[in-house]
C-alpha atoms as a PDB file:
ATOM      1  CA  UNK A   1      91.483  99.800 113.397  1.00  0.00           C
ATOM      2  CA  UNK A   2      93.404  99.205 116.466  1.00  0.00           C
ATOM      3  CA  UNK A   3      96.420  99.983 114.049  1.00  0.00           C
ATOM      4  CA  UNK A   4      95.438 103.324 113.405  1.00  0.00           C
ATOM      5  CA  UNK A   5      94.310 104.296 117.054  1.00  0.00           C
ATOM      6  CA  UNK A   6      98.097 103.950 117.387  1.00  0.00           C
ATOM      7  CA  UNK A   7      99.284 105.733 114.803  1.00  0.00           C
ATOM      8  CA  UNK A   8      97.350 108.418 115.465  1.00  0.00           C
ATOM      9  CA  UNK A   9      98.295 108.522 119.913  1.00  0.00           C
ATOM     10  CA  UNK A  10     101.905 107.663 118.202  1.00  0.00           C
ATOM     11  CA  UNK A  11     101.678 111.295 115.718  1.00  0.00           C
ATOM     12  CA  UNK A  12      99.674 113.788 119.167  1.00  0.00           C
ATOM     13  CA  UNK A  13     102.605 112.217 121.440  1.00  0.00           C
ATOM     14  CA  UNK A  14     105.315 112.725 118.870  1.00  0.00           C
ATOM     15  CA  UNK A  15     104.208 116.878 117.298  1.00  0.00           C
ATOM     16  CA  UNK A  16     106.497 119.152 117.750  1.00  0.00           C
ATOM     17  CA  UNK A  17     105.036 122.637 117.138  1.00  0.00           C
ATOM     18  CA  UNK A  18     108.563 124.418 116.048  1.00  0.00           C
ATOM     19  CA  UNK A  19     108.895 121.115 113.366  1.00  0.00           C
ATOM     20  CA  UNK A  20     105.815 119.983 111.600  1.00  0.00           C
ATOM     21  CA  UNK A  21     106.122 117.265 111.002  1.00  0.00           C
ATOM     22  CA  UNK A  22     103.779 114.377 110.130  1.00  0.00           C
ATOM     23  CA  UNK A  23     104.982 110.872 111.774  1.00  0.00           C
ATOM     24  CA  UNK A  24     103.572 107.346 111.410  1.00  0.00           C
ATOM     25  CA  UNK A  25     103.884 104.885 113.584  1.00  0.00           C
ATOM     26  CA  UNK A  26     103.256 100.981 111.985  1.00  0.00           C
ATOM     27  CA  UNK A  27     103.544  98.130 114.862  1.00  0.00           C
ATOM     28  CA  UNK A  28     103.211  94.502 114.984  1.00  0.00           C
ATOM     29  CA  UNK A  29     103.133  91.319 118.034  1.00  0.00           C
ATOM     30  CA  UNK A  30     105.088  89.663 115.126  1.00  0.00           C
ATOM     31  CA  UNK A  31     108.709  87.567 116.689  1.00  0.00           C
ATOM     32  CA  UNK A  32     110.242  91.098 116.125  1.00  0.00           C
ATOM     33  CA  UNK A  33     112.813  91.525 113.473  1.00  0.00           C
ATOM     34  CA  UNK A  34     117.001  90.121 114.254  1.00  0.00           C
ATOM     35  CA  UNK A  35     119.041  92.679 115.713  1.00  0.00           C
ATOM     36  CA  UNK A  36     122.348  91.975 112.495  1.00  0.00           C
ATOM     37  CA  UNK A  37     119.074  91.702 110.352  1.00  0.00           C
ATOM     38  CA  UNK A  38     117.971  95.495 111.742  1.00  0.00           C
ATOM     39  CA  UNK A  39     121.005  96.799 110.870  1.00  0.00           C
ATOM     40  CA  UNK A  40     121.146  95.977 107.086  1.00  0.00           C
ATOM     41  CA  UNK A  41     117.440  96.737 106.813  1.00  0.00           C
ATOM     42  CA  UNK A  42     117.108  99.452 104.362  1.00  0.00           C
ATOM     43  CA  UNK A  43     119.851  98.751 102.181  1.00  0.00           C
ATOM     44  CA  UNK A  44     119.634  98.271  98.954  1.00  0.00           C
ATOM     45  CA  UNK A  45     120.282  93.654  98.344  1.00  0.00           C
ATOM     46  CA  UNK A  46     118.909  92.478 101.897  1.00  0.00           C
ATOM     47  CA  UNK A  47     115.910  90.656 103.013  1.00  0.00           C
ATOM     48  CA  UNK A  48     116.134  87.602 105.015  1.00  0.00           C
ATOM     49  CA  UNK A  49     113.463  86.052 102.546  1.00  0.00           C
ATOM     50  CA  UNK A  50     113.822  83.350 100.427  1.00  0.00           C
ATOM     51  CA  UNK A  51     111.826  84.414  97.415  1.00  0.00           C
ATOM     52  CA  UNK A  52     112.739  88.112  98.388  1.00  0.00           C
ATOM     53  CA  UNK A  53     114.320  90.510  96.649  1.00  0.00           C
ATOM     54  CA  UNK A  54     115.301  93.693  98.850  1.00  0.00           C
ATOM     55  CA  UNK A  55     114.414  96.589  97.286  1.00  0.00           C
ATOM     56  CA  UNK A  56     111.062  97.463  98.683  1.00  0.00           C
ATOM     57  CA  UNK A  57     112.402  99.067 101.894  1.00  0.00           C
ATOM     58  CA  UNK A  58     115.495 101.530 100.406  1.00  0.00           C
ATOM     59  CA  UNK A  59     113.169 102.101  97.140  1.00  0.00           C
ATOM     60  CA  UNK A  60     110.991 103.120 101.014  1.00  0.00           C
ATOM     61  CA  UNK A  61     113.289 104.684 102.298  1.00  0.00           C
ATOM     62  CA  UNK A  62     114.400 107.171  99.188  1.00  0.00           C
ATOM     63  CA  UNK A  63     111.810 108.445  97.819  1.00  0.00           C
ATOM     64  CA  UNK A  64     111.289 109.154 102.307  1.00  0.00           C
ATOM     65  CA  UNK A  65     114.026 111.481 101.682  1.00  0.00           C
ATOM     66  CA  UNK A  66     113.509 112.691  98.493  1.00  0.00           C
ATOM     67  CA  UNK A  67     110.247 113.625  99.857  1.00  0.00           C
ATOM     68  CA  UNK A  68     112.627 115.301 103.590  1.00  0.00           C
ATOM     69  CA  UNK A  69     111.492 112.591 105.210  1.00  0.00           C
ATOM     70  CA  UNK A  70     112.970 109.370 107.049  1.00  0.00           C
ATOM     71  CA  UNK A  71     111.863 105.703 107.991  1.00  0.00           C
ATOM     72  CA  UNK A  72     113.149 104.779 111.003  1.00  0.00           C
ATOM     73  CA  UNK A  73     113.053 100.519 112.496  1.00  0.00           C
ATOM     74  CA  UNK A  74     112.639  99.729 116.159  1.00  0.00           C
ATOM     75  CA  UNK A  75     111.788  96.074 117.310  1.00  0.00           C
ATOM     76  CA  UNK A  76     112.337  93.590 120.226  1.00  0.00           C
ATOM     77  CA  UNK A  77     113.075  89.921 119.431  1.00  0.00           C
ATOM     78  CA  UNK A  78     109.147  87.891 120.295  1.00  0.00           C
ATOM     79  CA  UNK A  79     107.626  91.524 120.878  1.00  0.00           C
ATOM     80  CA  UNK A  80     107.694  92.455 117.687  1.00  0.00           C
ATOM     81  CA  UNK A  81     108.462  95.215 115.202  1.00  0.00           C
ATOM     82  CA  UNK A  82     107.284  99.719 115.497  1.00  0.00           C
ATOM     83  CA  UNK A  83     108.536 101.023 111.642  1.00  0.00           C
ATOM     84  CA  UNK A  84     107.848 104.697 111.988  1.00  0.00           C
ATOM     85  CA  UNK A  85     107.782 107.379 109.127  1.00  0.00           C
ATOM     86  CA  UNK A  86     108.512 111.142 109.245  1.00  0.00           C
ATOM     87  CA  UNK A  87     108.033 113.913 106.565  1.00  0.00           C
ATOM     88  CA  UNK A  88     107.846 117.735 105.840  1.00  0.00           C
ATOM     89  CA  UNK A  89     104.297 118.669 106.542  1.00  0.00           C
ATOM     90  CA  UNK A  90     102.980 120.977 104.028  1.00  0.00           C
ATOM     91  CA  UNK A  91      99.747 123.842 104.549  1.00  0.00           C
ATOM     92  CA  UNK A  92      96.502 122.349 103.762  1.00  0.00           C
END
């Protein structure tokens, strides 16, 4: 529930009437992402895991871009990471 609330608060804080976009912020308080990995997160086949393929975030970024959006990541080591997804809003 806390994560949903944080996402909604992030959405309303970042909402701009001249740019109708939907923004979702997903935040954790784990170990964070080292700076040298942060710059490569969305590269295909980059992984910091022993059993990862390095395709997950690259595919997510590609899907977001194909829909006019983007995914960004911010992190602070030992404090956690925030992933933000921004997509064009489609009127109901």
